[in-house]
Amino acid sequence: MTKFYIENARIETITDFDMVTFDLVTNKGTIELSEHINYDNDGDFESIETTDSNICINMESELCSVFVLAQT
């Protein structure tokens, strides 16, 4: 089992939307991941995007690179 933790979490504004960006650290390495932040109509935090996930759509190979994916 690969152990992991998150460090250096921050919010970055990119033109017209915000992203939560963080470093995912495992025993195989460290990668930077980011995901869109959703706000409600009042501008308050609502959720992290899951439907059009930036990580799932654009960062799959990076994510897989820091985990052991062999079946045992």
N, C-alpha and C. Protein backbone atom coordinates (compact mmCIF):
# COMPACT_ATOMS: atom_id res chain seq x y z
N MET A 1 0.84 -1.17 0.00
CA MET A 1 0.00 0.00 0.00
C MET A 1 0.89 1.25 0.00
N THR A 2 0.58 2.18 -0.86
CA THR A 2 1.32 3.44 -0.93
C THR A 2 0.72 4.42 0.07
N LYS A 3 1.59 4.96 0.92
CA LYS A 3 1.14 6.00 1.85
C LYS A 3 1.35 7.35 1.19
N PHE A 4 0.46 8.28 1.46
CA PHE A 4 0.59 9.61 0.87
C PHE A 4 0.10 10.67 1.82
N TYR A 5 0.51 11.90 1.56
CA TYR A 5 0.00 13.04 2.29
C TYR A 5 0.03 14.26 1.38
N ILE A 6 -0.70 15.30 1.80
CA ILE A 6 -0.80 16.53 1.03
C ILE A 6 -0.09 17.64 1.78
N GLU A 7 0.65 18.44 1.04
CA GLU A 7 1.29 19.60 1.65
C GLU A 7 1.22 20.78 0.68
N ASN A 8 1.49 21.96 1.20
CA ASN A 8 1.56 23.18 0.40
C ASN A 8 0.24 23.48 -0.33
N ALA A 9 -0.88 23.28 0.35
CA ALA A 9 -2.19 23.58 -0.26
C ALA A 9 -2.39 25.08 -0.33
N ARG A 10 -2.91 25.55 -1.46
CA ARG A 10 -3.12 26.98 -1.66
C ARG A 10 -4.21 27.19 -2.70
N ILE A 11 -4.77 28.39 -2.73
CA ILE A 11 -5.76 28.76 -3.74
C ILE A 11 -5.11 29.73 -4.70
N GLU A 12 -5.24 29.44 -5.99
CA GLU A 12 -4.68 30.29 -7.04
C GLU A 12 -5.81 30.76 -7.95
N THR A 13 -5.81 32.04 -8.26
CA THR A 13 -6.79 32.60 -9.19
C THR A 13 -6.20 32.61 -10.58
N ILE A 14 -6.91 32.00 -11.52
CA ILE A 14 -6.48 31.94 -12.91
C ILE A 14 -7.56 32.62 -13.74
N THR A 15 -7.30 33.82 -14.17
CA THR A 15 -8.22 34.65 -14.96
C THR A 15 -9.58 34.77 -14.28
N ASP A 16 -10.53 33.90 -14.60
CA ASP A 16 -11.89 34.06 -14.07
C ASP A 16 -12.34 32.90 -13.19
N PHE A 17 -11.42 32.09 -12.71
CA PHE A 17 -11.80 31.01 -11.81
C PHE A 17 -10.68 30.72 -10.82
N ASP A 18 -11.03 30.07 -9.71
CA ASP A 18 -10.06 29.71 -8.68
C ASP A 18 -9.77 28.22 -8.74
N MET A 19 -8.54 27.89 -8.38
CA MET A 19 -8.10 26.49 -8.32
C MET A 19 -7.50 26.27 -6.94
N VAL A 20 -7.77 25.10 -6.34
CA VAL A 20 -7.03 24.69 -5.17
C VAL A 20 -5.88 23.85 -5.72
N THR A 21 -4.67 24.22 -5.35
CA THR A 21 -3.47 23.55 -5.82
C THR A 21 -2.74 22.99 -4.61
N PHE A 22 -2.19 21.78 -4.74
CA PHE A 22 -1.51 21.16 -3.62
C PHE A 22 -0.47 20.17 -4.13
N ASP A 23 0.46 19.83 -3.27
CA ASP A 23 1.47 18.82 -3.58
C ASP A 23 1.03 17.51 -2.95
N LEU A 24 0.98 16.47 -3.77
CA LEU A 24 0.70 15.12 -3.29
C LEU A 24 2.04 14.41 -3.16
N VAL A 25 2.37 13.96 -1.96
CA VAL A 25 3.66 13.36 -1.68
C VAL A 25 3.47 11.88 -1.36
N THR A 26 4.19 11.02 -2.08
CA THR A 26 4.21 9.59 -1.78
C THR A 26 5.66 9.14 -1.71
N ASN A 27 5.87 7.87 -1.38
CA ASN A 27 7.23 7.36 -1.34
C ASN A 27 7.84 7.24 -2.74
N LYS A 28 7.04 7.37 -3.79
CA LYS A 28 7.56 7.33 -5.17
C LYS A 28 7.82 8.72 -5.73
N GLY A 29 7.43 9.78 -5.02
CA GLY A 29 7.69 11.12 -5.52
C GLY A 29 6.62 12.11 -5.11
N THR A 30 6.76 13.32 -5.64
CA THR A 30 5.84 14.42 -5.35
C THR A 30 5.34 15.00 -6.66
N ILE A 31 4.04 15.25 -6.73
CA ILE A 31 3.46 15.92 -7.89
C ILE A 31 2.54 17.04 -7.42
N GLU A 32 2.40 18.04 -8.27
CA GLU A 32 1.48 19.13 -7.99
C GLU A 32 0.18 18.86 -8.72
N LEU A 33 -0.93 18.91 -7.99
CA LEU A 33 -2.25 18.69 -8.56
C LEU A 33 -3.11 19.93 -8.31
N SER A 34 -4.11 20.13 -9.14
CA SER A 34 -5.00 21.27 -8.95
C SER A 34 -6.41 20.91 -9.40
N GLU A 35 -7.38 21.52 -8.74
CA GLU A 35 -8.78 21.24 -9.04
C GLU A 35 -9.58 22.54 -8.94
N HIS A 36 -10.61 22.66 -9.76
CA HIS A 36 -11.46 23.85 -9.76
C HIS A 36 -12.29 23.95 -8.48
N ILE A 37 -12.51 25.18 -8.03
CA ILE A 37 -13.35 25.45 -6.87
C ILE A 37 -14.69 25.98 -7.36
N ASN A 38 -15.77 25.45 -6.80
CA ASN A 38 -17.12 25.91 -7.13
C ASN A 38 -17.64 26.81 -6.01
N TYR A 39 -18.26 27.92 -6.39
CA TYR A 39 -18.87 28.85 -5.44
C TYR A 39 -20.37 28.89 -5.67
N ASP A 40 -21.11 29.20 -4.62
CA ASP A 40 -22.57 29.34 -4.77
C ASP A 40 -22.89 30.73 -5.32
N ASN A 41 -24.17 31.04 -5.46
CA ASN A 41 -24.59 32.33 -6.03
C ASN A 41 -24.18 33.53 -5.20
N ASP A 42 -23.91 33.31 -3.91
CA ASP A 42 -23.47 34.40 -3.03
C ASP A 42 -21.96 34.57 -3.03
N GLY A 43 -21.26 33.71 -3.77
CA GLY A 43 -19.81 33.79 -3.82
C GLY A 43 -19.10 33.04 -2.72
N ASP A 44 -19.85 32.23 -1.97
CA ASP A 44 -19.27 31.44 -0.89
C ASP A 44 -18.83 30.07 -1.44
N PHE A 45 -17.81 29.50 -0.81
CA PHE A 45 -17.33 28.18 -1.21
C PHE A 45 -18.47 27.17 -1.18
N GLU A 46 -18.57 26.36 -2.24
CA GLU A 46 -19.61 25.34 -2.30
C GLU A 46 -18.99 23.95 -2.34
N SER A 47 -18.02 23.72 -3.25
CA SER A 47 -17.43 22.39 -3.38
C SER A 47 -16.20 22.45 -4.27
N ILE A 48 -15.52 21.32 -4.33
CA ILE A 48 -14.44 21.12 -5.28
C ILE A 48 -15.05 20.36 -6.46
N GLU A 49 -14.70 20.73 -7.67
CA GLU A 49 -15.29 20.14 -8.88
C GLU A 49 -15.05 18.64 -8.91
N THR A 50 -16.11 17.89 -9.18
CA THR A 50 -15.98 16.44 -9.36
C THR A 50 -16.48 15.99 -10.72
N THR A 51 -17.44 16.68 -11.30
CA THR A 51 -18.01 16.28 -12.59
C THR A 51 -16.99 16.46 -13.72
N ASP A 52 -16.42 17.63 -13.83
CA ASP A 52 -15.39 17.90 -14.84
C ASP A 52 -14.04 18.04 -14.16
N SER A 53 -13.67 17.02 -13.42
CA SER A 53 -12.46 17.05 -12.60
C SER A 53 -11.20 17.27 -13.43
N ASN A 54 -10.47 18.33 -13.11
CA ASN A 54 -9.20 18.60 -13.77
C ASN A 54 -8.22 17.46 -13.55
N ILE A 55 -8.17 16.91 -12.34
CA ILE A 55 -7.24 15.82 -12.04
C ILE A 55 -7.60 14.58 -12.86
N CYS A 56 -8.87 14.19 -12.87
CA CYS A 56 -9.27 12.98 -13.60
C CYS A 56 -9.12 13.14 -15.10
N ILE A 57 -9.42 14.32 -15.63
CA ILE A 57 -9.39 14.52 -17.08
C ILE A 57 -7.99 14.83 -17.60
N ASN A 58 -7.24 15.65 -16.89
CA ASN A 58 -5.97 16.15 -17.42
C ASN A 58 -4.71 15.67 -16.72
N MET A 59 -4.83 15.03 -15.56
CA MET A 59 -3.64 14.73 -14.78
C MET A 59 -3.53 13.26 -14.39
N GLU A 60 -4.19 12.38 -15.11
CA GLU A 60 -4.21 10.97 -14.77
C GLU A 60 -2.80 10.36 -14.76
N SER A 61 -2.00 10.63 -15.77
CA SER A 61 -0.66 10.02 -15.83
C SER A 61 0.23 10.53 -14.71
N GLU A 62 0.10 11.84 -14.36
CA GLU A 62 0.87 12.37 -13.24
C GLU A 62 0.48 11.68 -11.94
N LEU A 63 -0.82 11.51 -11.73
CA LEU A 63 -1.30 10.87 -10.52
C LEU A 63 -0.83 9.42 -10.44
N CYS A 64 -0.92 8.69 -11.53
CA CYS A 64 -0.50 7.29 -11.55
C CYS A 64 1.01 7.15 -11.34
N SER A 65 1.77 8.17 -11.69
CA SER A 65 3.24 8.07 -11.59
C SER A 65 3.75 7.99 -10.16
N VAL A 66 2.95 8.38 -9.19
CA VAL A 66 3.44 8.36 -7.80
C VAL A 66 2.78 7.27 -6.96
N PHE A 67 2.12 6.33 -7.61
CA PHE A 67 1.53 5.19 -6.91
C PHE A 67 2.00 3.89 -7.57
N VAL A 68 2.15 2.84 -6.78
CA VAL A 68 2.45 1.51 -7.29
C VAL A 68 1.14 0.90 -7.74
N LEU A 69 1.02 0.59 -9.03
CA LEU A 69 -0.25 0.11 -9.58
C LEU A 69 -0.25 -1.38 -9.89
N ALA A 70 0.78 -2.08 -9.49
CA ALA A 70 0.85 -3.52 -9.75
C ALA A 70 -0.14 -4.26 -8.87
N GLN A 71 -0.76 -5.29 -9.44
CA GLN A 71 -1.67 -6.12 -8.66
C GLN A 71 -0.86 -7.12 -7.86
N THR A 72 -1.32 -7.39 -6.65
CA THR A 72 -0.60 -8.37 -5.81
C THR A 72 -1.46 -9.55 -5.51
